[in-house]
Amino acid sequence: MPSSVINFFSYDEKSSTLKITFVTGMVYCYQNVPKKTFEMLKIAGSKGRYFNHYIKDKFKFKKLEE
């Protein structure tokens, strides 16, 4: 999953939470994310572009401690 913005991401189906670790080391949890959004992020040609268009500013989030 090469990306110049996102280092790693995972999804918890039970809580519909998408956890993203950025290359900066910052970690965010996005809440109430549909599984389809996660599935589309997995196959997106540009993870950063998909994140900016379909996740950023669309879901509530919490910043986690680094």
PDB file of N, CA and C in Angstrom:
ATOM      1  N   MET A   1       0.836  -1.182   0.000  1.00  0.00           N
ATOM      2  CA  MET A   1       0.000   0.000   0.000  1.00  0.00           C
ATOM      3  C   MET A   1       0.880   1.244   0.000  1.00  0.00           C
ATOM      4  N   PRO A   2       1.604   1.539  -1.039  1.00  0.00           N
ATOM      5  CA  PRO A   2       2.438   2.738  -1.048  1.00  0.00           C
ATOM      6  C   PRO A   2       1.593   4.009  -1.092  1.00  0.00           C
ATOM      7  N   SER A   3       1.926   4.939  -0.217  1.00  0.00           N
ATOM      8  CA  SER A   3       1.249   6.232  -0.182  1.00  0.00           C
ATOM      9  C   SER A   3       2.230   7.248   0.369  1.00  0.00           C
ATOM     10  N   SER A   4       2.201   8.444  -0.170  1.00  0.00           N
ATOM     11  CA  SER A   4       3.084   9.499   0.331  1.00  0.00           C
ATOM     12  C   SER A   4       2.482  10.204   1.537  1.00  0.00           C
ATOM     13  N   VAL A   5       1.242   9.882   1.880  1.00  0.00           N
ATOM     14  CA  VAL A   5       0.541  10.544   2.985  1.00  0.00           C
ATOM     15  C   VAL A   5       0.185   9.563   4.103  1.00  0.00           C
ATOM     16  N   ILE A   6      -0.315   8.406   3.734  1.00  0.00           N
ATOM     17  CA  ILE A   6      -0.803   7.425   4.706  1.00  0.00           C
ATOM     18  C   ILE A   6       0.212   6.291   4.852  1.00  0.00           C
ATOM     19  N   ASN A   7       0.601   6.024   6.093  1.00  0.00           N
ATOM     20  CA  ASN A   7       1.548   4.949   6.367  1.00  0.00           C
ATOM     21  C   ASN A   7       0.840   3.607   6.554  1.00  0.00           C
ATOM     22  N   PHE A   8      -0.304   3.636   7.259  1.00  0.00           N
ATOM     23  CA  PHE A   8      -1.028   2.410   7.578  1.00  0.00           C
ATOM     24  C   PHE A   8      -2.468   2.764   7.912  1.00  0.00           C
ATOM     25  N   PHE A   9      -3.397   1.836   7.645  1.00  0.00           N
ATOM     26  CA  PHE A   9      -4.777   2.038   8.087  1.00  0.00           C
ATOM     27  C   PHE A   9      -5.419   0.693   8.376  1.00  0.00           C
ATOM     28  N   SER A  10      -6.393   0.723   9.276  1.00  0.00           N
ATOM     29  CA  SER A  10      -7.123  -0.494   9.635  1.00  0.00           C
ATOM     30  C   SER A  10      -8.565  -0.118   9.945  1.00  0.00           C
ATOM     31  N   TYR A  11      -9.413  -1.127   9.942  1.00  0.00           N
ATOM     32  CA  TYR A  11     -10.843  -0.889  10.132  1.00  0.00           C
ATOM     33  C   TYR A  11     -11.392  -1.866  11.155  1.00  0.00           C
ATOM     34  N   ASP A  12     -12.166  -1.345  12.092  1.00  0.00           N
ATOM     35  CA  ASP A  12     -12.857  -2.184  13.075  1.00  0.00           C
ATOM     36  C   ASP A  12     -14.325  -2.228  12.678  1.00  0.00           C
ATOM     37  N   GLU A  13     -14.741  -3.374  12.164  1.00  0.00           N
ATOM     38  CA  GLU A  13     -16.105  -3.519  11.654  1.00  0.00           C
ATOM     39  C   GLU A  13     -17.150  -3.371  12.754  1.00  0.00           C
ATOM     40  N   LYS A  14     -16.835  -3.851  13.937  1.00  0.00           N
ATOM     41  CA  LYS A  14     -17.779  -3.811  15.050  1.00  0.00           C
ATOM     42  C   LYS A  14     -18.149  -2.373  15.432  1.00  0.00           C
ATOM     43  N   SER A  15     -17.150  -1.494  15.443  1.00  0.00           N
ATOM     44  CA  SER A  15     -17.392  -0.100  15.846  1.00  0.00           C
ATOM     45  C   SER A  15     -17.440   0.859  14.661  1.00  0.00           C
ATOM     46  N   SER A  16     -17.239   0.353  13.444  1.00  0.00           N
ATOM     47  CA  SER A  16     -17.193   1.174  12.225  1.00  0.00           C
ATOM     48  C   SER A  16     -16.164   2.295  12.352  1.00  0.00           C
ATOM     49  N   THR A  17     -15.005   1.937  12.903  1.00  0.00           N
ATOM     50  CA  THR A  17     -13.935   2.911  13.121  1.00  0.00           C
ATOM     51  C   THR A  17     -12.776   2.637  12.174  1.00  0.00           C
ATOM     52  N   LEU A  18     -12.353   3.686  11.491  1.00  0.00           N
ATOM     53  CA  LEU A  18     -11.206   3.619  10.593  1.00  0.00           C
ATOM     54  C   LEU A  18     -10.033   4.309  11.277  1.00  0.00           C
ATOM     55  N   LYS A  19      -8.965   3.570  11.492  1.00  0.00           N
ATOM     56  CA  LYS A  19      -7.774   4.110  12.150  1.00  0.00           C
ATOM     57  C   LYS A  19      -6.711   4.327  11.085  1.00  0.00           C
ATOM     58  N   ILE A  20      -6.209   5.561  11.006  1.00  0.00           N
ATOM     59  CA  ILE A  20      -5.210   5.897   9.994  1.00  0.00           C
ATOM     60  C   ILE A  20      -3.958   6.440  10.670  1.00  0.00           C
ATOM     61  N   THR A  21      -2.823   5.869  10.302  1.00  0.00           N
ATOM     62  CA  THR A  21      -1.528   6.380  10.738  1.00  0.00           C
ATOM     63  C   THR A  21      -0.898   7.067   9.536  1.00  0.00           C
ATOM     64  N   PHE A  22      -0.608   8.344   9.687  1.00  0.00           N
ATOM     65  CA  PHE A  22      -0.025   9.123   8.602  1.00  0.00           C
ATOM     66  C   PHE A  22       1.500   9.018   8.643  1.00  0.00           C
ATOM     67  N   VAL A  23       2.152   9.355   7.551  1.00  0.00           N
ATOM     68  CA  VAL A  23       3.609   9.265   7.493  1.00  0.00           C
ATOM     69  C   VAL A  23       4.272  10.192   8.509  1.00  0.00           C
ATOM     70  N   THR A  24       3.563  11.185   8.970  1.00  0.00           N
ATOM     71  CA  THR A  24       4.079  12.098   9.995  1.00  0.00           C
ATOM     72  C   THR A  24       4.122  11.439  11.366  1.00  0.00           C
ATOM     73  N   GLY A  25       3.477  10.273  11.498  1.00  0.00           N
ATOM     74  CA  GLY A  25       3.393   9.585  12.780  1.00  0.00           C
ATOM     75  C   GLY A  25       2.098   9.867  13.523  1.00  0.00           C
ATOM     76  N   MET A  26       1.318  10.823  13.043  1.00  0.00           N
ATOM     77  CA  MET A  26       0.048  11.144  13.691  1.00  0.00           C
ATOM     78  C   MET A  26      -0.969  10.047  13.390  1.00  0.00           C
ATOM     79  N   VAL A  27      -1.776   9.716  14.416  1.00  0.00           N
ATOM     80  CA  VAL A  27      -2.767   8.648  14.295  1.00  0.00           C
ATOM     81  C   VAL A  27      -4.147   9.212  14.608  1.00  0.00           C
ATOM     82  N   TYR A  28      -5.102   8.944  13.717  1.00  0.00           N
ATOM     83  CA  TYR A  28      -6.470   9.416  13.891  1.00  0.00           C
ATOM     84  C   TYR A  28      -7.433   8.246  13.755  1.00  0.00           C
ATOM     85  N   CYS A  29      -8.508   8.298  14.530  1.00  0.00           N
ATOM     86  CA  CYS A  29      -9.599   7.335  14.417  1.00  0.00           C
ATOM     87  C   CYS A  29     -10.829   8.067  13.904  1.00  0.00           C
ATOM     88  N   TYR A  30     -11.346   7.629  12.775  1.00  0.00           N
ATOM     89  CA  TYR A  30     -12.539   8.216  12.171  1.00  0.00           C
ATOM     90  C   TYR A  30     -13.728   7.334  12.522  1.00  0.00           C
ATOM     91  N   GLN A  31     -14.789   7.953  13.013  1.00  0.00           N
ATOM     92  CA  GLN A  31     -15.932   7.228  13.555  1.00  0.00           C
ATOM     93  C   GLN A  31     -17.073   7.102  12.548  1.00  0.00           C
ATOM     94  N   ASN A  32     -17.830   6.025  12.683  1.00  0.00           N
ATOM     95  CA  ASN A  32     -19.018   5.760  11.858  1.00  0.00           C
ATOM     96  C   ASN A  32     -18.710   5.736  10.361  1.00  0.00           C
ATOM     97  N   VAL A  33     -17.591   5.148  10.024  1.00  0.00           N
ATOM     98  CA  VAL A  33     -17.185   5.037   8.622  1.00  0.00           C
ATOM     99  C   VAL A  33     -17.787   3.749   8.051  1.00  0.00           C
ATOM    100  N   PRO A  34     -18.536   3.849   6.963  1.00  0.00           N
ATOM    101  CA  PRO A  34     -19.096   2.637   6.356  1.00  0.00           C
ATOM    102  C   PRO A  34     -17.985   1.701   5.864  1.00  0.00           C
ATOM    103  N   LYS A  35     -18.247   0.417   5.935  1.00  0.00           N
ATOM    104  CA  LYS A  35     -17.263  -0.566   5.475  1.00  0.00           C
ATOM    105  C   LYS A  35     -16.906  -0.328   4.011  1.00  0.00           C
ATOM    106  N   LYS A  36     -17.866   0.096   3.226  1.00  0.00           N
ATOM    107  CA  LYS A  36     -17.630   0.355   1.797  1.00  0.00           C
ATOM    108  C   LYS A  36     -16.554   1.428   1.604  1.00  0.00           C
ATOM    109  N   THR A  37     -16.555   2.441   2.468  1.00  0.00           N
ATOM    110  CA  THR A  37     -15.546   3.498   2.381  1.00  0.00           C
ATOM    111  C   THR A  37     -14.159   2.914   2.637  1.00  0.00           C
ATOM    112  N   PHE A  38     -14.057   2.050   3.641  1.00  0.00           N
ATOM    113  CA  PHE A  38     -12.789   1.369   3.926  1.00  0.00           C
ATOM    114  C   PHE A  38     -12.362   0.504   2.743  1.00  0.00           C
ATOM    115  N   GLU A  39     -13.296  -0.259   2.188  1.00  0.00           N
ATOM    116  CA  GLU A  39     -12.985  -1.129   1.051  1.00  0.00           C
ATOM    117  C   GLU A  39     -12.485  -0.314  -0.138  1.00  0.00           C
ATOM    118  N   MET A  40     -13.101   0.833  -0.372  1.00  0.00           N
ATOM    119  CA  MET A  40     -12.684   1.687  -1.487  1.00  0.00           C
ATOM    120  C   MET A  40     -11.302   2.298  -1.226  1.00  0.00           C
ATOM    121  N   LEU A  41     -11.020   2.641   0.019  1.00  0.00           N
ATOM    122  CA  LEU A  41      -9.690   3.160   0.366  1.00  0.00           C
ATOM    123  C   LEU A  41      -8.627   2.102   0.079  1.00  0.00           C
ATOM    124  N   LYS A  42      -8.933   0.845   0.388  1.00  0.00           N
ATOM    125  CA  LYS A  42      -7.974  -0.237   0.162  1.00  0.00           C
ATOM    126  C   LYS A  42      -7.567  -0.350  -1.303  1.00  0.00           C
ATOM    127  N   ILE A  43      -8.511  -0.135  -2.202  1.00  0.00           N
ATOM    128  CA  ILE A  43      -8.214  -0.334  -3.626  1.00  0.00           C
ATOM    129  C   ILE A  43      -7.915   0.960  -4.377  1.00  0.00           C
ATOM    130  N   ALA A  44      -8.000   2.086  -3.688  1.00  0.00           N
ATOM    131  CA  ALA A  44      -7.776   3.382  -4.341  1.00  0.00           C
ATOM    132  C   ALA A  44      -6.352   3.469  -4.892  1.00  0.00           C
ATOM    133  N   GLY A  45      -6.239   4.002  -6.094  1.00  0.00           N
ATOM    134  CA  GLY A  45      -4.922   4.204  -6.693  1.00  0.00           C
ATOM    135  C   GLY A  45      -4.102   5.215  -5.921  1.00  0.00           C
ATOM    136  N   SER A  46      -4.763   6.246  -5.423  1.00  0.00           N
ATOM    137  CA  SER A  46      -4.121   7.256  -4.586  1.00  0.00           C
ATOM    138  C   SER A  46      -4.852   7.301  -3.253  1.00  0.00           C
ATOM    139  N   LYS A  47      -4.225   6.729  -2.230  1.00  0.00           N
ATOM    140  CA  LYS A  47      -4.845   6.706  -0.900  1.00  0.00           C
ATOM    141  C   LYS A  47      -5.057   8.117  -0.369  1.00  0.00           C
ATOM    142  N   GLY A  48      -4.078   8.986  -0.558  1.00  0.00           N
ATOM    143  CA  GLY A  48      -4.178  10.363  -0.080  1.00  0.00           C
ATOM    144  C   GLY A  48      -5.313  11.127  -0.739  1.00  0.00           C
ATOM    145  N   ARG A  49      -5.449  10.967  -2.028  1.00  0.00           N
ATOM    146  CA  ARG A  49      -6.522  11.649  -2.756  1.00  0.00           C
ATOM    147  C   ARG A  49      -7.886  11.126  -2.312  1.00  0.00           C
ATOM    148  N   TYR A  50      -8.014   9.806  -2.164  1.00  0.00           N
ATOM    149  CA  TYR A  50      -9.277   9.228  -1.705  1.00  0.00           C
ATOM    150  C   TYR A  50      -9.607   9.740  -0.304  1.00  0.00           C
ATOM    151  N   PHE A  51      -8.610   9.735   0.573  1.00  0.00           N
ATOM    152  CA  PHE A  51      -8.806  10.239   1.931  1.00  0.00           C
ATOM    153  C   PHE A  51      -9.304  11.685   1.901  1.00  0.00           C
ATOM    154  N   ASN A  52      -8.649  12.527   1.124  1.00  0.00           N
ATOM    155  CA  ASN A  52      -9.035  13.945   1.068  1.00  0.00           C
ATOM    156  C   ASN A  52     -10.446  14.154   0.540  1.00  0.00           C
ATOM    157  N   HIS A  53     -10.866  13.360  -0.412  1.00  0.00           N
ATOM    158  CA  HIS A  53     -12.190  13.538  -1.020  1.00  0.00           C
ATOM    159  C   HIS A  53     -13.330  12.867  -0.261  1.00  0.00           C
ATOM    160  N   TYR A  54     -13.066  11.720   0.354  1.00  0.00           N
ATOM    161  CA  TYR A  54     -14.164  10.918   0.895  1.00  0.00           C
ATOM    162  C   TYR A  54     -14.135  10.674   2.404  1.00  0.00           C
ATOM    163  N   ILE A  55     -13.044  11.047   3.068  1.00  0.00           N
ATOM    164  CA  ILE A  55     -12.956  10.786   4.510  1.00  0.00           C
ATOM    165  C   ILE A  55     -12.701  12.068   5.298  1.00  0.00           C
ATOM    166  N   LYS A  56     -11.682  12.802   4.930  1.00  0.00           N
ATOM    167  CA  LYS A  56     -11.324  14.037   5.636  1.00  0.00           C
ATOM    168  C   LYS A  56     -12.517  14.994   5.643  1.00  0.00           C
ATOM    169  N   ASP A  57     -12.810  15.537   6.790  1.00  0.00           N
ATOM    170  CA  ASP A  57     -13.919  16.488   6.974  1.00  0.00           C
ATOM    171  C   ASP A  57     -15.304  15.879   6.720  1.00  0.00           C
ATOM    172  N   LYS A  58     -15.385  14.560   6.570  1.00  0.00           N
ATOM    173  CA  LYS A  58     -16.685  13.905   6.342  1.00  0.00           C
ATOM    174  C   LYS A  58     -17.148  13.116   7.571  1.00  0.00           C
ATOM    175  N   PHE A  59     -16.195  12.724   8.429  1.00  0.00           N
ATOM    176  CA  PHE A  59     -16.499  11.906   9.600  1.00  0.00           C
ATOM    177  C   PHE A  59     -15.898  12.527  10.850  1.00  0.00           C
ATOM    178  N   LYS A  60     -16.567  12.314  11.973  1.00  0.00           N
ATOM    179  CA  LYS A  60     -15.995  12.739  13.247  1.00  0.00           C
ATOM    180  C   LYS A  60     -14.730  11.927  13.478  1.00  0.00           C
ATOM    181  N   PHE A  61     -13.767  12.558  14.137  1.00  0.00           N
ATOM    182  CA  PHE A  61     -12.507  11.855  14.374  1.00  0.00           C
ATOM    183  C   PHE A  61     -11.909  12.237  15.715  1.00  0.00           C
ATOM    184  N   LYS A  62     -11.001  11.391  16.171  1.00  0.00           N
ATOM    185  CA  LYS A  62     -10.231  11.647  17.383  1.00  0.00           C
ATOM    186  C   LYS A  62      -8.766  11.456  17.043  1.00  0.00           C
ATOM    187  N   LYS A  63      -7.944  12.391  17.523  1.00  0.00           N
ATOM    188  CA  LYS A  63      -6.501  12.224  17.376  1.00  0.00           C
ATOM    189  C   LYS A  63      -6.020  11.375  18.545  1.00  0.00           C
ATOM    190  N   LEU A  64      -5.250  10.346  18.242  1.00  0.00           N
ATOM    191  CA  LEU A  64      -4.697   9.485  19.280  1.00  0.00           C
ATOM    192  C   LEU A  64      -3.284   9.941  19.614  1.00  0.00           C
ATOM    193  N   GLU A  65      -2.828   9.558  20.784  1.00  0.00           N
ATOM    194  CA  GLU A  65      -1.451   9.876  21.161  1.00  0.00           C
ATOM    195  C   GLU A  65      -0.502   9.126  20.239  1.00  0.00           C
ATOM    196  N   GLU A  66       0.590   9.755  19.903  1.00  0.00           N
ATOM    197  CA  GLU A  66       1.577   9.135  19.013  1.00  0.00           C
ATOM    198  C   GLU A  66       2.375   8.085  19.738  1.00  0.00           C
TER     199      GLU A  66
END
